[in-house]
Amino acid sequence: MTKFPKIIEAGNLELRRQRATFDDARRMFELVDRNRPRLEQWLPWVEEDIKTPEDCYNRMKKAEEKGICMYFIVENDKVLGRIGFVDVNEKLKSLELGYLLDEGSVGKGVVNRAVKLLERAAFENEWEMIRIKCDVLNERSKIAAKRLGYVFEGTLRRDGSYPDGRVHDNLYFSKIRSEWEKEKKKNA
């Protein structure tokens, strides 16, 4: 399994590896709690699983045990969000990317810069594909995936559910390493 670095940085943006510690759990809880109303509409686990910092710690511990790699997005020592690989398929060398941002950081290019850093770390370590999945109604995530050059793969119907039991469709986007390499050459 690839060991992703503890810190990935470019300019004043830094991705700091999240660990299952009480300090990181507290930081994560504070981020989720101050953005709860907005996050709950797209991330069912926020309402279902995150009520205390201890809930964050337990969730982070389970993720770490599964090999899930998450980072805090930090700029000038301020936590702006979280990004990482929420699903890892070693056999296919594919990763699913997930992220969330603090409301004050939305629309400022933070996701674009953080995704680019994480793409580099993955593709330079021989991973072959990165996927982004989002709720069909999540316009911001759809726009971000397209802007980042991810290819729309399709809609998986009835692929997720909200805490109230309603079912929704998810959109899937992907980028493969050869596409990333072409982008890299083009932007060099």
C-alpha atoms as a PDB file:
ATOM      1  CA  MET A   1       0.000   0.000   0.000  1.00  0.00           C
ATOM      2  CA  THR A   2       1.208   3.498  -0.842  1.00  0.00           C
ATOM      3  CA  LYS A   3       2.340   5.524   2.107  1.00  0.00           C
ATOM      4  CA  PHE A   4       1.145   9.031   1.401  1.00  0.00           C
ATOM      5  CA  PRO A   5       3.246  11.836   2.882  1.00  0.00           C
ATOM      6  CA  LYS A   6       2.384  13.475   6.191  1.00  0.00           C
ATOM      7  CA  ILE A   7       2.445  16.915   4.589  1.00  0.00           C
ATOM      8  CA  ILE A   8       1.862  17.948   0.988  1.00  0.00           C
ATOM      9  CA  GLU A   9       2.366  21.618   0.239  1.00  0.00           C
ATOM     10  CA  ALA A  10       2.486  24.215  -2.486  1.00  0.00           C
ATOM     11  CA  GLY A  11       2.812  27.893  -1.721  1.00  0.00           C
ATOM     12  CA  ASN A  12       0.832  28.727   1.392  1.00  0.00           C
ATOM     13  CA  LEU A  13      -1.581  25.780   1.011  1.00  0.00           C
ATOM     14  CA  GLU A  14      -0.749  22.679   2.965  1.00  0.00           C
ATOM     15  CA  LEU A  15      -2.384  19.276   3.292  1.00  0.00           C
ATOM     16  CA  ARG A  16      -1.637  17.885   6.772  1.00  0.00           C
ATOM     17  CA  ARG A  17      -2.262  14.189   7.270  1.00  0.00           C
ATOM     18  CA  GLN A  18      -5.152  13.623   9.663  1.00  0.00           C
ATOM     19  CA  ARG A  19      -4.532  11.050  12.385  1.00  0.00           C
ATOM     20  CA  ALA A  20      -6.860   9.357  14.825  1.00  0.00           C
ATOM     21  CA  THR A  21      -5.861  11.526  17.762  1.00  0.00           C
ATOM     22  CA  PHE A  22      -8.068  13.503  20.119  1.00  0.00           C
ATOM     23  CA  ASP A  23      -6.571  16.789  18.879  1.00  0.00           C
ATOM     24  CA  ASP A  24      -7.364  15.965  15.242  1.00  0.00           C
ATOM     25  CA  ALA A  25     -10.813  14.677  16.240  1.00  0.00           C
ATOM     26  CA  ARG A  26     -11.520  17.975  18.002  1.00  0.00           C
ATOM     27  CA  ARG A  27     -10.382  19.967  14.941  1.00  0.00           C
ATOM     28  CA  MET A  28     -12.545  17.816  12.693  1.00  0.00           C
ATOM     29  CA  PHE A  29     -15.562  18.120  14.967  1.00  0.00           C
ATOM     30  CA  GLU A  30     -15.224  21.920  15.087  1.00  0.00           C
ATOM     31  CA  LEU A  31     -15.053  22.053  11.277  1.00  0.00           C
ATOM     32  CA  VAL A  32     -18.104  19.815  10.886  1.00  0.00           C
ATOM     33  CA  ASP A  33     -20.090  21.462  13.670  1.00  0.00           C
ATOM     34  CA  ARG A  34     -19.745  25.026  12.387  1.00  0.00           C
ATOM     35  CA  ASN A  35     -20.770  23.843   8.880  1.00  0.00           C
ATOM     36  CA  ARG A  36     -23.339  21.260   9.954  1.00  0.00           C
ATOM     37  CA  PRO A  37     -26.484  22.598   8.201  1.00  0.00           C
ATOM     38  CA  ARG A  38     -24.729  22.842   4.830  1.00  0.00           C
ATOM     39  CA  LEU A  39     -22.808  19.555   5.141  1.00  0.00           C
ATOM     40  CA  GLU A  40     -25.766  17.475   6.328  1.00  0.00           C
ATOM     41  CA  GLN A  41     -27.534  17.914   3.009  1.00  0.00           C
ATOM     42  CA  TRP A  42     -24.704  16.133   1.117  1.00  0.00           C
ATOM     43  CA  LEU A  43     -22.949  13.969   3.705  1.00  0.00           C
ATOM     44  CA  PRO A  44     -25.370  11.707   5.588  1.00  0.00           C
ATOM     45  CA  TRP A  45     -22.687  10.652   8.080  1.00  0.00           C
ATOM     46  CA  VAL A  46     -22.591  14.198   9.487  1.00  0.00           C
ATOM     47  CA  GLU A  47     -26.112  13.910  10.922  1.00  0.00           C
ATOM     48  CA  GLU A  48     -25.996  10.177  11.614  1.00  0.00           C
ATOM     49  CA  ASP A  49     -22.540   9.760  13.165  1.00  0.00           C
ATOM     50  CA  ILE A  50     -21.044  13.076  14.327  1.00  0.00           C
ATOM     51  CA  LYS A  51     -22.514  14.475  17.534  1.00  0.00           C
ATOM     52  CA  THR A  52     -19.333  14.847  19.636  1.00  0.00           C
ATOM     53  CA  PRO A  53     -15.552  15.013  19.164  1.00  0.00           C
ATOM     54  CA  GLU A  54     -15.461  11.410  20.412  1.00  0.00           C
ATOM     55  CA  ASP A  55     -17.677  10.422  17.465  1.00  0.00           C
ATOM     56  CA  CYS A  56     -15.100  12.007  15.151  1.00  0.00           C
ATOM     57  CA  TYR A  57     -12.306  10.126  16.893  1.00  0.00           C
ATOM     58  CA  ASN A  58     -14.103   6.778  16.527  1.00  0.00           C
ATOM     59  CA  ARG A  59     -14.858   7.434  12.851  1.00  0.00           C
ATOM     60  CA  MET A  60     -11.262   8.497  12.202  1.00  0.00           C
ATOM     61  CA  LYS A  61      -9.925   5.389  13.971  1.00  0.00           C
ATOM     62  CA  LYS A  62     -12.071   3.088  11.792  1.00  0.00           C
ATOM     63  CA  ALA A  63     -11.009   4.942   8.636  1.00  0.00           C
ATOM     64  CA  GLU A  64      -7.336   4.665   9.571  1.00  0.00           C
ATOM     65  CA  GLU A  65      -7.744   0.912  10.155  1.00  0.00           C
ATOM     66  CA  LYS A  66      -9.191   0.591   6.625  1.00  0.00           C
ATOM     67  CA  GLY A  67      -6.225   2.448   5.129  1.00  0.00           C
ATOM     68  CA  ILE A  68      -8.229   5.570   4.323  1.00  0.00           C
ATOM     69  CA  CYS A  69      -5.963   8.597   3.962  1.00  0.00           C
ATOM     70  CA  MET A  70      -7.370  12.006   4.947  1.00  0.00           C
ATOM     71  CA  TYR A  71      -5.795  15.459   5.202  1.00  0.00           C
ATOM     72  CA  PHE A  72      -6.719  18.768   6.753  1.00  0.00           C
ATOM     73  CA  ILE A  73      -6.559  21.583   4.200  1.00  0.00           C
ATOM     74  CA  VAL A  74      -4.570  24.316   5.930  1.00  0.00           C
ATOM     75  CA  GLU A  75      -3.641  27.820   4.852  1.00  0.00           C
ATOM     76  CA  ASN A  76      -1.706  30.192   7.109  1.00  0.00           C
ATOM     77  CA  ASP A  77      -2.276  27.744   9.995  1.00  0.00           C
ATOM     78  CA  LYS A  78      -6.063  27.897   9.582  1.00  0.00           C
ATOM     79  CA  VAL A  79      -8.024  24.690   8.840  1.00  0.00           C
ATOM     80  CA  LEU A  80     -10.109  25.375   5.716  1.00  0.00           C
ATOM     81  CA  GLY A  81     -11.454  21.867   5.189  1.00  0.00           C
ATOM     82  CA  ARG A  82     -10.626  18.226   4.748  1.00  0.00           C
ATOM     83  CA  ILE A  83      -9.727  16.167   1.691  1.00  0.00           C
ATOM     84  CA  GLY A  84      -8.615  12.630   1.112  1.00  0.00           C
ATOM     85  CA  PHE A  85      -9.249   9.217  -0.287  1.00  0.00           C
ATOM     86  CA  VAL A  86     -12.480   7.819   1.130  1.00  0.00           C
ATOM     87  CA  ASP A  87     -12.249   4.523  -0.750  1.00  0.00           C
ATOM     88  CA  VAL A  88      -9.135   2.620  -1.783  1.00  0.00           C
ATOM     89  CA  ASN A  89      -9.038  -0.290  -4.254  1.00  0.00           C
ATOM     90  CA  GLU A  90      -5.510  -1.729  -4.229  1.00  0.00           C
ATOM     91  CA  LYS A  91      -6.261  -4.335  -6.907  1.00  0.00           C
ATOM     92  CA  LEU A  92      -7.514  -1.783  -9.448  1.00  0.00           C
ATOM     93  CA  LYS A  93      -5.131   0.940  -8.218  1.00  0.00           C
ATOM     94  CA  SER A  94      -8.071   3.311  -7.881  1.00  0.00           C
ATOM     95  CA  LEU A  95      -9.041   5.861  -5.264  1.00  0.00           C
ATOM     96  CA  GLU A  96     -12.204   7.771  -4.474  1.00  0.00           C
ATOM     97  CA  LEU A  97     -11.646  11.389  -3.541  1.00  0.00           C
ATOM     98  CA  GLY A  98     -13.807  13.183  -1.004  1.00  0.00           C
ATOM     99  CA  TYR A  99     -13.629  16.654   0.472  1.00  0.00           C
ATOM    100  CA  LEU A 100     -15.476  19.203   2.551  1.00  0.00           C
ATOM    101  CA  LEU A 101     -14.830  22.881   3.065  1.00  0.00           C
ATOM    102  CA  ASP A 102     -15.521  25.478   5.685  1.00  0.00           C
ATOM    103  CA  GLU A 103     -18.203  27.890   4.410  1.00  0.00           C
ATOM    104  CA  GLY A 104     -15.747  30.792   4.406  1.00  0.00           C
ATOM    105  CA  SER A 105     -13.464  28.937   1.977  1.00  0.00           C
ATOM    106  CA  VAL A 106     -16.102  27.996  -0.602  1.00  0.00           C
ATOM    107  CA  GLY A 107     -15.648  29.566  -4.036  1.00  0.00           C
ATOM    108  CA  LYS A 108     -12.017  30.587  -3.507  1.00  0.00           C
ATOM    109  CA  GLY A 109     -10.242  27.822  -5.454  1.00  0.00           C
ATOM    110  CA  VAL A 110      -9.241  25.913  -2.322  1.00  0.00           C
ATOM    111  CA  VAL A 111     -10.699  22.610  -3.566  1.00  0.00           C
ATOM    112  CA  ASN A 112      -8.973  22.986  -6.937  1.00  0.00           C
ATOM    113  CA  ARG A 113      -5.572  23.540  -5.348  1.00  0.00           C
ATOM    114  CA  ALA A 114      -6.028  20.753  -2.779  1.00  0.00           C
ATOM    115  CA  VAL A 115      -7.213  18.242  -5.387  1.00  0.00           C
ATOM    116  CA  LYS A 116      -4.208  19.041  -7.601  1.00  0.00           C
ATOM    117  CA  LEU A 117      -1.843  18.367  -4.687  1.00  0.00           C
ATOM    118  CA  LEU A 118      -3.507  15.065  -3.877  1.00  0.00           C
ATOM    119  CA  GLU A 119      -3.620  14.010  -7.542  1.00  0.00           C
ATOM    120  CA  ARG A 120       0.125  14.526  -7.799  1.00  0.00           C
ATOM    121  CA  ALA A 121       0.738  12.428  -4.675  1.00  0.00           C
ATOM    122  CA  ALA A 122      -1.444   9.616  -6.023  1.00  0.00           C
ATOM    123  CA  PHE A 123      -0.464   9.519  -9.677  1.00  0.00           C
ATOM    124  CA  GLU A 124       3.262   9.885  -8.960  1.00  0.00           C
ATOM    125  CA  ASN A 125       2.888   6.798  -6.741  1.00  0.00           C
ATOM    126  CA  GLU A 126       1.511   4.630  -9.547  1.00  0.00           C
ATOM    127  CA  TRP A 127      -2.202   4.887  -8.772  1.00  0.00           C
ATOM    128  CA  GLU A 128      -4.172   4.581 -12.011  1.00  0.00           C
ATOM    129  CA  MET A 129      -7.503   6.290 -11.375  1.00  0.00           C
ATOM    130  CA  ILE A 130      -9.177   8.782  -9.052  1.00  0.00           C
ATOM    131  CA  ARG A 131     -12.976   8.984  -8.818  1.00  0.00           C
ATOM    132  CA  ILE A 132     -15.209  11.711  -7.494  1.00  0.00           C
ATOM    133  CA  LYS A 133     -18.767  10.832  -6.494  1.00  0.00           C
ATOM    134  CA  CYS A 134     -21.409  13.424  -5.699  1.00  0.00           C
ATOM    135  CA  ASP A 135     -25.138  13.723  -5.156  1.00  0.00           C
ATOM    136  CA  VAL A 136     -26.903  14.516  -8.422  1.00  0.00           C
ATOM    137  CA  LEU A 137     -28.221  17.744  -6.840  1.00  0.00           C
ATOM    138  CA  ASN A 138     -24.830  18.962  -5.574  1.00  0.00           C
ATOM    139  CA  GLU A 139     -24.116  21.632  -8.201  1.00  0.00           C
ATOM    140  CA  ARG A 140     -20.882  22.886  -6.598  1.00  0.00           C
ATOM    141  CA  SER A 141     -19.309  19.415  -6.600  1.00  0.00           C
ATOM    142  CA  LYS A 142     -20.403  18.748 -10.195  1.00  0.00           C
ATOM    143  CA  ILE A 143     -18.853  22.024 -11.328  1.00  0.00           C
ATOM    144  CA  ALA A 144     -15.638  21.358  -9.383  1.00  0.00           C
ATOM    145  CA  ALA A 145     -15.196  17.870 -10.884  1.00  0.00           C
ATOM    146  CA  LYS A 146     -15.660  19.182 -14.426  1.00  0.00           C
ATOM    147  CA  ARG A 147     -13.390  22.198 -13.848  1.00  0.00           C
ATOM    148  CA  LEU A 148     -10.681  19.852 -12.553  1.00  0.00           C
ATOM    149  CA  GLY A 149     -10.814  17.835 -15.777  1.00  0.00           C
ATOM    150  CA  TYR A 150     -12.607  14.784 -14.430  1.00  0.00           C
ATOM    151  CA  VAL A 151     -14.606  12.852 -17.023  1.00  0.00           C
ATOM    152  CA  PHE A 152     -18.288  12.282 -16.323  1.00  0.00           C
ATOM    153  CA  GLU A 153     -18.749   8.511 -16.197  1.00  0.00           C
ATOM    154  CA  GLY A 154     -22.463   8.350 -15.490  1.00  0.00           C
ATOM    155  CA  THR A 155     -25.251   8.400 -12.958  1.00  0.00           C
ATOM    156  CA  LEU A 156     -25.795   5.552 -10.551  1.00  0.00           C
ATOM    157  CA  ARG A 157     -29.448   5.600  -9.662  1.00  0.00           C
ATOM    158  CA  ARG A 158     -30.597   5.020  -6.100  1.00  0.00           C
ATOM    159  CA  ASP A 159     -26.968   4.968  -4.984  1.00  0.00           C
ATOM    160  CA  GLY A 160     -27.327   6.786  -1.666  1.00  0.00           C
ATOM    161  CA  SER A 161     -29.756   7.743   1.028  1.00  0.00           C
ATOM    162  CA  TYR A 162     -30.388  10.655   3.333  1.00  0.00           C
ATOM    163  CA  PRO A 163     -30.861  10.221   7.084  1.00  0.00           C
ATOM    164  CA  ASP A 164     -34.623  10.735   6.631  1.00  0.00           C
ATOM    165  CA  GLY A 165     -34.764   7.653   4.372  1.00  0.00           C
ATOM    166  CA  ARG A 166     -35.077   9.390   1.003  1.00  0.00           C
ATOM    167  CA  VAL A 167     -32.963   7.807  -1.719  1.00  0.00           C
ATOM    168  CA  HIS A 168     -30.885   9.772  -4.235  1.00  0.00           C
ATOM    169  CA  ASP A 169     -28.783   9.283  -7.342  1.00  0.00           C
ATOM    170  CA  ASN A 170     -25.026   9.888  -7.500  1.00  0.00           C
ATOM    171  CA  LEU A 171     -22.874  11.183 -10.324  1.00  0.00           C
ATOM    172  CA  TYR A 172     -19.479   9.600 -10.962  1.00  0.00           C
ATOM    173  CA  PHE A 173     -16.464  11.370 -12.458  1.00  0.00           C
ATOM    174  CA  SER A 174     -12.950  10.041 -12.973  1.00  0.00           C
ATOM    175  CA  LYS A 175      -9.458  10.919 -14.065  1.00  0.00           C
ATOM    176  CA  ILE A 176      -6.871   8.341 -15.092  1.00  0.00           C
ATOM    177  CA  ARG A 177      -3.140   8.723 -14.768  1.00  0.00           C
ATOM    178  CA  SER A 178      -2.514   9.170 -18.513  1.00  0.00           C
ATOM    179  CA  GLU A 179      -4.970  12.112 -18.538  1.00  0.00           C
ATOM    180  CA  TRP A 180      -3.181  13.643 -15.571  1.00  0.00           C
ATOM    181  CA  GLU A 181       0.190  13.205 -17.308  1.00  0.00           C
ATOM    182  CA  LYS A 182      -1.138  15.021 -20.408  1.00  0.00           C
ATOM    183  CA  GLU A 183      -2.405  17.883 -18.202  1.00  0.00           C
ATOM    184  CA  LYS A 184       0.958  18.054 -16.459  1.00  0.00           C
ATOM    185  CA  LYS A 185       2.851  18.332 -19.779  1.00  0.00           C
ATOM    186  CA  LYS A 186       0.389  20.917 -21.102  1.00  0.00           C
ATOM    187  CA  ASN A 187       0.791  23.083 -17.966  1.00  0.00           C
ATOM    188  CA  ALA A 188       4.597  22.724 -17.740  1.00  0.00           C
END
